[in-house]
Amino acid sequence: MLLQSKGVHILPHPPYSPDLAPSDLYLFGMLKGRIRGRRFTSSDEIVAEIREICERISKIELQRVYNTWVRRLEWVVENNGEYYTDTQK
């Protein structure tokens, strides 16, 4: 490889873990749950509803989600990059 031939150390890229992506960890699931089963007449209506839902998320809830995310990241680091699953809570 070109980079290796130039003396650049290549680090392995960890596998993508949806449980570690903040948007997947909390936001998308919560949004899906709040709009499930509803019918919208336009994309503007959906965007407005999503904005309203997001604006109602409390600082306490965001702090809880952040703390959960940090604990999961720490677990992955402590376990040498192992894939995180809900059984590791």
PDB file of N, CA and C in Angstrom:
ATOM      1  N   MET A   1       0.835  -1.177   0.000  1.00  0.00           N
ATOM      2  CA  MET A   1       0.000   0.000   0.000  1.00  0.00           C
ATOM      3  C   MET A   1       0.884   1.246   0.000  1.00  0.00           C
ATOM      4  N   LEU A   2       0.409   2.272  -0.626  1.00  0.00           N
ATOM      5  CA  LEU A   2       1.172   3.508  -0.741  1.00  0.00           C
ATOM      6  C   LEU A   2       1.500   4.103   0.619  1.00  0.00           C
ATOM      7  N   LEU A   3       0.518   4.204   1.490  1.00  0.00           N
ATOM      8  CA  LEU A   3       0.761   4.823   2.788  1.00  0.00           C
ATOM      9  C   LEU A   3       1.783   4.034   3.598  1.00  0.00           C
ATOM     10  N   GLN A   4       1.657   2.716   3.584  1.00  0.00           N
ATOM     11  CA  GLN A   4       2.617   1.891   4.321  1.00  0.00           C
ATOM     12  C   GLN A   4       4.015   2.032   3.735  1.00  0.00           C
ATOM     13  N   SER A   5       4.122   2.127   2.422  1.00  0.00           N
ATOM     14  CA  SER A   5       5.435   2.278   1.804  1.00  0.00           C
ATOM     15  C   SER A   5       6.070   3.624   2.158  1.00  0.00           C
ATOM     16  N   LYS A   6       5.261   4.585   2.563  1.00  0.00           N
ATOM     17  CA  LYS A   6       5.760   5.897   2.980  1.00  0.00           C
ATOM     18  C   LYS A   6       6.000   5.966   4.484  1.00  0.00           C
ATOM     19  N   GLY A   7       5.849   4.830   5.169  1.00  0.00           N
ATOM     20  CA  GLY A   7       6.096   4.778   6.602  1.00  0.00           C
ATOM     21  C   GLY A   7       4.935   5.214   7.471  1.00  0.00           C
ATOM     22  N   VAL A   8       3.739   5.305   6.880  1.00  0.00           N
ATOM     23  CA  VAL A   8       2.556   5.699   7.652  1.00  0.00           C
ATOM     24  C   VAL A   8       1.967   4.456   8.298  1.00  0.00           C
ATOM     25  N   HIS A   9       1.801   4.498   9.608  1.00  0.00           N
ATOM     26  CA  HIS A   9       1.215   3.377  10.339  1.00  0.00           C
ATOM     27  C   HIS A   9      -0.303   3.392  10.143  1.00  0.00           C
ATOM     28  N   ILE A  10      -0.846   2.319   9.653  1.00  0.00           N
ATOM     29  CA  ILE A  10      -2.282   2.206   9.385  1.00  0.00           C
ATOM     30  C   ILE A  10      -2.957   1.568  10.595  1.00  0.00           C
ATOM     31  N   LEU A  11      -3.922   2.280  11.154  1.00  0.00           N
ATOM     32  CA  LEU A  11      -4.682   1.757  12.281  1.00  0.00           C
ATOM     33  C   LEU A  11      -5.907   1.008  11.771  1.00  0.00           C
ATOM     34  N   PRO A  12      -6.248  -0.102  12.405  1.00  0.00           N
ATOM     35  CA  PRO A  12      -7.458  -0.807  11.982  1.00  0.00           C
ATOM     36  C   PRO A  12      -8.683   0.039  12.289  1.00  0.00           C
ATOM     37  N   HIS A  13      -9.627   0.025  11.393  1.00  0.00           N
ATOM     38  CA  HIS A  13     -10.859   0.777  11.586  1.00  0.00           C
ATOM     39  C   HIS A  13     -11.850  -0.117  12.316  1.00  0.00           C
ATOM     40  N   PRO A  14     -12.411   0.361  13.428  1.00  0.00           N
ATOM     41  CA  PRO A  14     -13.362  -0.476  14.161  1.00  0.00           C
ATOM     42  C   PRO A  14     -14.641  -0.669  13.357  1.00  0.00           C
ATOM     43  N   PRO A  15     -15.298  -1.785  13.555  1.00  0.00           N
ATOM     44  CA  PRO A  15     -16.574  -1.989  12.858  1.00  0.00           C
ATOM     45  C   PRO A  15     -17.588  -0.972  13.346  1.00  0.00           C
ATOM     46  N   TYR A  16     -18.499  -0.617  12.471  1.00  0.00           N
ATOM     47  CA  TYR A  16     -19.558   0.314  12.837  1.00  0.00           C
ATOM     48  C   TYR A  16     -20.491  -0.367  13.831  1.00  0.00           C
ATOM     49  N   SER A  17     -20.805   0.306  14.881  1.00  0.00           N
ATOM     50  CA  SER A  17     -21.728  -0.226  15.873  1.00  0.00           C
ATOM     51  C   SER A  17     -22.883   0.758  16.039  1.00  0.00           C
ATOM     52  N   PRO A  18     -24.078   0.390  15.595  1.00  0.00           N
ATOM     53  CA  PRO A  18     -25.204   1.320  15.719  1.00  0.00           C
ATOM     54  C   PRO A  18     -25.521   1.673  17.163  1.00  0.00           C
ATOM     55  N   ASP A  19     -25.136   0.820  18.104  1.00  0.00           N
ATOM     56  CA  ASP A  19     -25.381   1.131  19.501  1.00  0.00           C
ATOM     57  C   ASP A  19     -24.439   2.200  20.026  1.00  0.00           C
ATOM     58  N   LEU A  20     -23.448   2.601  19.222  1.00  0.00           N
ATOM     59  CA  LEU A  20     -22.513   3.635  19.651  1.00  0.00           C
ATOM     60  C   LEU A  20     -22.727   4.949  18.917  1.00  0.00           C
ATOM     61  N   ALA A  21     -23.508   4.932  17.859  1.00  0.00           N
ATOM     62  CA  ALA A  21     -23.810   6.170  17.141  1.00  0.00           C
ATOM     63  C   ALA A  21     -24.909   6.901  17.911  1.00  0.00           C
ATOM     64  N   PRO A  22     -24.645   8.132  18.377  1.00  0.00           N
ATOM     65  CA  PRO A  22     -25.660   8.825  19.192  1.00  0.00           C
ATOM     66  C   PRO A  22     -27.034   8.899  18.542  1.00  0.00           C
ATOM     67  N   SER A  23     -27.088   9.109  17.245  1.00  0.00           N
ATOM     68  CA  SER A  23     -28.393   9.202  16.584  1.00  0.00           C
ATOM     69  C   SER A  23     -29.141   7.869  16.622  1.00  0.00           C
ATOM     70  N   ASP A  24     -28.402   6.766  16.495  1.00  0.00           N
ATOM     71  CA  ASP A  24     -29.038   5.449  16.538  1.00  0.00           C
ATOM     72  C   ASP A  24     -29.316   5.004  17.969  1.00  0.00           C
ATOM     73  N   LEU A  25     -28.457   5.414  18.884  1.00  0.00           N
ATOM     74  CA  LEU A  25     -28.599   5.031  20.282  1.00  0.00           C
ATOM     75  C   LEU A  25     -29.925   5.504  20.860  1.00  0.00           C
ATOM     76  N   TYR A  26     -30.354   6.688  20.487  1.00  0.00           N
ATOM     77  CA  TYR A  26     -31.544   7.265  21.116  1.00  0.00           C
ATOM     78  C   TYR A  26     -32.501   7.926  20.123  1.00  0.00           C
ATOM     79  N   LEU A  27     -31.986   8.852  19.353  1.00  0.00           N
ATOM     80  CA  LEU A  27     -32.842   9.760  18.608  1.00  0.00           C
ATOM     81  C   LEU A  27     -33.765   9.067  17.613  1.00  0.00           C
ATOM     82  N   PHE A  28     -33.229   8.245  16.726  1.00  0.00           N
ATOM     83  CA  PHE A  28     -34.059   7.665  15.672  1.00  0.00           C
ATOM     84  C   PHE A  28     -35.147   6.756  16.239  1.00  0.00           C
ATOM     85  N   GLY A  29     -34.803   5.938  17.219  1.00  0.00           N
ATOM     86  CA  GLY A  29     -35.804   5.054  17.816  1.00  0.00           C
ATOM     87  C   GLY A  29     -36.917   5.821  18.512  1.00  0.00           C
ATOM     88  N   MET A  30     -36.525   6.869  19.240  1.00  0.00           N
ATOM     89  CA  MET A  30     -37.507   7.692  19.930  1.00  0.00           C
ATOM     90  C   MET A  30     -38.429   8.371  18.915  1.00  0.00           C
ATOM     91  N   LEU A  31     -37.854   8.935  17.858  1.00  0.00           N
ATOM     92  CA  LEU A  31     -38.670   9.609  16.842  1.00  0.00           C
ATOM     93  C   LEU A  31     -39.620   8.627  16.162  1.00  0.00           C
ATOM     94  N   LYS A  32     -39.102   7.465  15.795  1.00  0.00           N
ATOM     95  CA  LYS A  32     -39.965   6.465  15.149  1.00  0.00           C
ATOM     96  C   LYS A  32     -41.132   6.090  16.049  1.00  0.00           C
ATOM     97  N   GLY A  33     -40.853   5.944  17.339  1.00  0.00           N
ATOM     98  CA  GLY A  33     -41.913   5.591  18.282  1.00  0.00           C
ATOM     99  C   GLY A  33     -42.977   6.673  18.400  1.00  0.00           C
ATOM    100  N   ARG A  34     -42.573   7.914  18.322  1.00  0.00           N
ATOM    101  CA  ARG A  34     -43.520   9.022  18.484  1.00  0.00           C
ATOM    102  C   ARG A  34     -44.375   9.262  17.241  1.00  0.00           C
ATOM    103  N   ILE A  35     -43.877   8.895  16.063  1.00  0.00           N
ATOM    104  CA  ILE A  35     -44.684   9.150  14.859  1.00  0.00           C
ATOM    105  C   ILE A  35     -45.267   7.874  14.253  1.00  0.00           C
ATOM    106  N   ARG A  36     -44.973   6.731  14.853  1.00  0.00           N
ATOM    107  CA  ARG A  36     -45.482   5.456  14.339  1.00  0.00           C
ATOM    108  C   ARG A  36     -47.000   5.473  14.235  1.00  0.00           C
ATOM    109  N   GLY A  37     -47.486   5.046  13.097  1.00  0.00           N
ATOM    110  CA  GLY A  37     -48.922   4.932  12.883  1.00  0.00           C
ATOM    111  C   GLY A  37     -49.613   6.218  12.456  1.00  0.00           C
ATOM    112  N   ARG A  38     -48.890   7.311  12.455  1.00  0.00           N
ATOM    113  CA  ARG A  38     -49.491   8.582  12.060  1.00  0.00           C
ATOM    114  C   ARG A  38     -49.372   8.774  10.558  1.00  0.00           C
ATOM    115  N   ARG A  39     -50.288   9.526   9.993  1.00  0.00           N
ATOM    116  CA  ARG A  39     -50.279   9.846   8.568  1.00  0.00           C
ATOM    117  C   ARG A  39     -49.993  11.330   8.404  1.00  0.00           C
ATOM    118  N   PHE A  40     -49.104  11.651   7.496  1.00  0.00           N
ATOM    119  CA  PHE A  40     -48.758  13.043   7.219  1.00  0.00           C
ATOM    120  C   PHE A  40     -49.106  13.343   5.772  1.00  0.00           C
ATOM    121  N   THR A  41     -49.543  14.565   5.524  1.00  0.00           N
ATOM    122  CA  THR A  41     -49.964  14.930   4.174  1.00  0.00           C
ATOM    123  C   THR A  41     -48.835  15.527   3.344  1.00  0.00           C
ATOM    124  N   SER A  42     -47.728  15.911   4.003  1.00  0.00           N
ATOM    125  CA  SER A  42     -46.605  16.489   3.251  1.00  0.00           C
ATOM    126  C   SER A  42     -45.309  16.292   4.024  1.00  0.00           C
ATOM    127  N   SER A  43     -44.207  16.440   3.328  1.00  0.00           N
ATOM    128  CA  SER A  43     -42.913  16.352   4.002  1.00  0.00           C
ATOM    129  C   SER A  43     -42.735  17.520   4.969  1.00  0.00           C
ATOM    130  N   ASP A  44     -43.297  18.678   4.641  1.00  0.00           N
ATOM    131  CA  ASP A  44     -43.221  19.825   5.549  1.00  0.00           C
ATOM    132  C   ASP A  44     -43.903  19.521   6.882  1.00  0.00           C
ATOM    133  N   GLU A  45     -44.996  18.799   6.827  1.00  0.00           N
ATOM    134  CA  GLU A  45     -45.720  18.430   8.045  1.00  0.00           C
ATOM    135  C   GLU A  45     -44.865  17.487   8.913  1.00  0.00           C
ATOM    136  N   ILE A  46     -44.196  16.561   8.270  1.00  0.00           N
ATOM    137  CA  ILE A  46     -43.320  15.633   9.003  1.00  0.00           C
ATOM    138  C   ILE A  46     -42.160  16.396   9.640  1.00  0.00           C
ATOM    139  N   VAL A  47     -41.532  17.267   8.872  1.00  0.00           N
ATOM    140  CA  VAL A  47     -40.404  18.050   9.382  1.00  0.00           C
ATOM    141  C   VAL A  47     -40.842  18.883  10.583  1.00  0.00           C
ATOM    142  N   ALA A  48     -41.992  19.524  10.492  1.00  0.00           N
ATOM    143  CA  ALA A  48     -42.494  20.344  11.596  1.00  0.00           C
ATOM    144  C   ALA A  48     -42.722  19.494  12.844  1.00  0.00           C
ATOM    145  N   GLU A  49     -43.283  18.314  12.670  1.00  0.00           N
ATOM    146  CA  GLU A  49     -43.541  17.428  13.814  1.00  0.00           C
ATOM    147  C   GLU A  49     -42.225  16.949  14.437  1.00  0.00           C
ATOM    148  N   ILE A  50     -41.264  16.585  13.615  1.00  0.00           N
ATOM    149  CA  ILE A  50     -39.962  16.140  14.115  1.00  0.00           C
ATOM    150  C   ILE A  50     -39.282  17.266  14.888  1.00  0.00           C
ATOM    151  N   ARG A  51     -39.344  18.466  14.357  1.00  0.00           N
ATOM    152  CA  ARG A  51     -38.753  19.620  15.065  1.00  0.00           C
ATOM    153  C   ARG A  51     -39.420  19.828  16.417  1.00  0.00           C
ATOM    154  N   GLU A  52     -40.740  19.743  16.442  1.00  0.00           N
ATOM    155  CA  GLU A  52     -41.469  19.941  17.695  1.00  0.00           C
ATOM    156  C   GLU A  52     -41.089  18.876  18.722  1.00  0.00           C
ATOM    157  N   ILE A  53     -41.005  17.636  18.282  1.00  0.00           N
ATOM    158  CA  ILE A  53     -40.619  16.549  19.185  1.00  0.00           C
ATOM    159  C   ILE A  53     -39.212  16.800  19.736  1.00  0.00           C
ATOM    160  N   CYS A  54     -38.295  17.172  18.868  1.00  0.00           N
ATOM    161  CA  CYS A  54     -36.909  17.407  19.295  1.00  0.00           C
ATOM    162  C   CYS A  54     -36.812  18.581  20.265  1.00  0.00           C
ATOM    163  N   GLU A  55     -37.594  19.608  20.041  1.00  0.00           N
ATOM    164  CA  GLU A  55     -37.570  20.771  20.934  1.00  0.00           C
ATOM    165  C   GLU A  55     -38.090  20.437  22.330  1.00  0.00           C
ATOM    166  N   ARG A  56     -38.910  19.389  22.440  1.00  0.00           N
ATOM    167  CA  ARG A  56     -39.464  18.994  23.742  1.00  0.00           C
ATOM    168  C   ARG A  56     -38.558  18.048  24.521  1.00  0.00           C
ATOM    169  N   ILE A  57     -37.439  17.625  23.946  1.00  0.00           N
ATOM    170  CA  ILE A  57     -36.521  16.752  24.676  1.00  0.00           C
ATOM    171  C   ILE A  57     -35.856  17.586  25.776  1.00  0.00           C
ATOM    172  N   SER A  58     -35.979  17.131  26.993  1.00  0.00           N
ATOM    173  CA  SER A  58     -35.449  17.900  28.124  1.00  0.00           C
ATOM    174  C   SER A  58     -33.929  17.764  28.232  1.00  0.00           C
ATOM    175  N   LYS A  59     -33.337  18.722  28.892  1.00  0.00           N
ATOM    176  CA  LYS A  59     -31.895  18.664  29.146  1.00  0.00           C
ATOM    177  C   LYS A  59     -31.549  17.452  29.999  1.00  0.00           C
ATOM    178  N   ILE A  60     -32.418  17.110  30.917  1.00  0.00           N
ATOM    179  CA  ILE A  60     -32.187  15.934  31.772  1.00  0.00           C
ATOM    180  C   ILE A  60     -32.145  14.665  30.933  1.00  0.00           C
ATOM    181  N   GLU A  61     -33.071  14.547  29.989  1.00  0.00           N
ATOM    182  CA  GLU A  61     -33.100  13.374  29.101  1.00  0.00           C
ATOM    183  C   GLU A  61     -31.849  13.323  28.233  1.00  0.00           C
ATOM    184  N   LEU A  62     -31.448  14.456  27.685  1.00  0.00           N
ATOM    185  CA  LEU A  62     -30.230  14.490  26.867  1.00  0.00           C
ATOM    186  C   LEU A  62     -29.000  14.130  27.696  1.00  0.00           C
ATOM    187  N   GLN A  63     -28.948  14.564  28.939  1.00  0.00           N
ATOM    188  CA  GLN A  63     -27.821  14.211  29.808  1.00  0.00           C
ATOM    189  C   GLN A  63     -27.806  12.713  30.084  1.00  0.00           C
ATOM    190  N   ARG A  64     -28.994  12.128  30.302  1.00  0.00           N
ATOM    191  CA  ARG A  64     -29.087  10.682  30.533  1.00  0.00           C
ATOM    192  C   ARG A  64     -28.579   9.904  29.326  1.00  0.00           C
ATOM    193  N   VAL A  65     -28.999  10.339  28.135  1.00  0.00           N
ATOM    194  CA  VAL A  65     -28.566   9.674  26.894  1.00  0.00           C
ATOM    195  C   VAL A  65     -27.054   9.820  26.719  1.00  0.00           C
ATOM    196  N   TYR A  66     -26.539  11.008  26.981  1.00  0.00           N
ATOM    197  CA  TYR A  66     -25.100  11.244  26.868  1.00  0.00           C
ATOM    198  C   TYR A  66     -24.327  10.336  27.822  1.00  0.00           C
ATOM    199  N   ASN A  67     -24.781  10.235  29.072  1.00  0.00           N
ATOM    200  CA  ASN A  67     -24.106   9.381  30.050  1.00  0.00           C
ATOM    201  C   ASN A  67     -24.125   7.915  29.622  1.00  0.00           C
ATOM    202  N   THR A  68     -25.240   7.469  29.070  1.00  0.00           N
ATOM    203  CA  THR A  68     -25.331   6.094  28.560  1.00  0.00           C
ATOM    204  C   THR A  68     -24.340   5.882  27.424  1.00  0.00           C
ATOM    205  N   TRP A  69     -24.263   6.836  26.535  1.00  0.00           N
ATOM    206  CA  TRP A  69     -23.340   6.758  25.397  1.00  0.00           C
ATOM    207  C   TRP A  69     -21.892   6.672  25.877  1.00  0.00           C
ATOM    208  N   VAL A  70     -21.531   7.517  26.843  1.00  0.00           N
ATOM    209  CA  VAL A  70     -20.163   7.504  27.370  1.00  0.00           C
ATOM    210  C   VAL A  70     -19.851   6.154  28.012  1.00  0.00           C
ATOM    211  N   ARG A  71     -20.788   5.617  28.802  1.00  0.00           N
ATOM    212  CA  ARG A  71     -20.554   4.295  29.418  1.00  0.00           C
ATOM    213  C   ARG A  71     -20.342   3.219  28.361  1.00  0.00           C
ATOM    214  N   ARG A  72     -21.098   3.267  27.272  1.00  0.00           N
ATOM    215  CA  ARG A  72     -20.919   2.279  26.203  1.00  0.00           C
ATOM    216  C   ARG A  72     -19.562   2.441  25.524  1.00  0.00           C
ATOM    217  N   LEU A  73     -19.165   3.674  25.275  1.00  0.00           N
ATOM    218  CA  LEU A  73     -17.843   3.902  24.676  1.00  0.00           C
ATOM    219  C   LEU A  73     -16.739   3.389  25.590  1.00  0.00           C
ATOM    220  N   GLU A  74     -16.860   3.651  26.875  1.00  0.00           N
ATOM    221  CA  GLU A  74     -15.858   3.168  27.833  1.00  0.00           C
ATOM    222  C   GLU A  74     -15.806   1.647  27.834  1.00  0.00           C
ATOM    223  N   TRP A  75     -16.970   1.000  27.752  1.00  0.00           N
ATOM    224  CA  TRP A  75     -17.009  -0.462  27.726  1.00  0.00           C
ATOM    225  C   TRP A  75     -16.243  -0.992  26.520  1.00  0.00           C
ATOM    226  N   VAL A  76     -16.467  -0.379  25.362  1.00  0.00           N
ATOM    227  CA  VAL A  76     -15.794  -0.817  24.141  1.00  0.00           C
ATOM    228  C   VAL A  76     -14.288  -0.652  24.276  1.00  0.00           C
ATOM    229  N   VAL A  77     -13.837   0.475  24.825  1.00  0.00           N
ATOM    230  CA  VAL A  77     -12.408   0.703  25.014  1.00  0.00           C
ATOM    231  C   VAL A  77     -11.834  -0.330  25.979  1.00  0.00           C
ATOM    232  N   GLU A  78     -12.506  -0.550  27.101  1.00  0.00           N
ATOM    233  CA  GLU A  78     -12.041  -1.506  28.108  1.00  0.00           C
ATOM    234  C   GLU A  78     -12.001  -2.935  27.578  1.00  0.00           C
ATOM    235  N   ASN A  79     -12.802  -3.220  26.561  1.00  0.00           N
ATOM    236  CA  ASN A  79     -12.881  -4.565  26.006  1.00  0.00           C
ATOM    237  C   ASN A  79     -12.240  -4.652  24.627  1.00  0.00           C
ATOM    238  N   ASN A  80     -11.239  -3.806  24.414  1.00  0.00           N
ATOM    239  CA  ASN A  80     -10.408  -3.852  23.202  1.00  0.00           C
ATOM    240  C   ASN A  80     -11.200  -3.773  21.906  1.00  0.00           C
ATOM    241  N   GLY A  81     -12.210  -2.914  21.885  1.00  0.00           N
ATOM    242  CA  GLY A  81     -12.950  -2.687  20.650  1.00  0.00           C
ATOM    243  C   GLY A  81     -14.018  -3.706  20.337  1.00  0.00           C
ATOM    244  N   GLU A  82     -14.340  -4.564  21.300  1.00  0.00           N
ATOM    245  CA  GLU A  82     -15.401  -5.541  21.065  1.00  0.00           C
ATOM    246  C   GLU A  82     -16.699  -4.830  20.720  1.00  0.00           C
ATOM    247  N   TYR A  83     -17.505  -5.480  19.930  1.00  0.00           N
ATOM    248  CA  TYR A  83     -18.801  -4.943  19.524  1.00  0.00           C
ATOM    249  C   TYR A  83     -19.729  -4.896  20.731  1.00  0.00           C
ATOM    250  N   TYR A  84     -20.327  -3.753  20.973  1.00  0.00           N
ATOM    251  CA  TYR A  84     -21.228  -3.583  22.116  1.00  0.00           C
ATOM    252  C   TYR A  84     -22.606  -4.106  21.770  1.00  0.00           C
ATOM    253  N   THR A  85     -23.182  -4.867  22.679  1.00  0.00           N
ATOM    254  CA  THR A  85     -24.585  -5.287  22.550  1.00  0.00           C
ATOM    255  C   THR A  85     -25.283  -4.988  23.856  1.00  0.00           C
ATOM    256  N   ASP A  86     -26.584  -5.021  23.861  1.00  0.00           N
ATOM    257  CA  ASP A  86     -27.351  -4.681  25.058  1.00  0.00           C
ATOM    258  C   ASP A  86     -27.076  -5.635  26.226  1.00  0.00           C
ATOM    259  N   THR A  87     -26.481  -6.779  25.998  1.00  0.00           N
ATOM    260  CA  THR A  87     -26.191  -7.700  27.084  1.00  0.00           C
ATOM    261  C   THR A  87     -25.048  -7.203  27.963  1.00  0.00           C
ATOM    262  N   GLN A  88     -24.310  -6.169  27.498  1.00  0.00           N
ATOM    263  CA  GLN A  88     -23.191  -5.640  28.262  1.00  0.00           C
ATOM    264  C   GLN A  88     -23.596  -4.511  29.199  1.00  0.00           C
ATOM    265  N   LYS A  89     -24.864  -4.201  29.333  1.00  0.00           N
ATOM    266  CA  LYS A  89     -25.318  -3.091  30.186  1.00  0.00           C
ATOM    267  C   LYS A  89     -24.777  -3.273  31.527  1.00  0.00           C
TER     268      LYS A  89
END
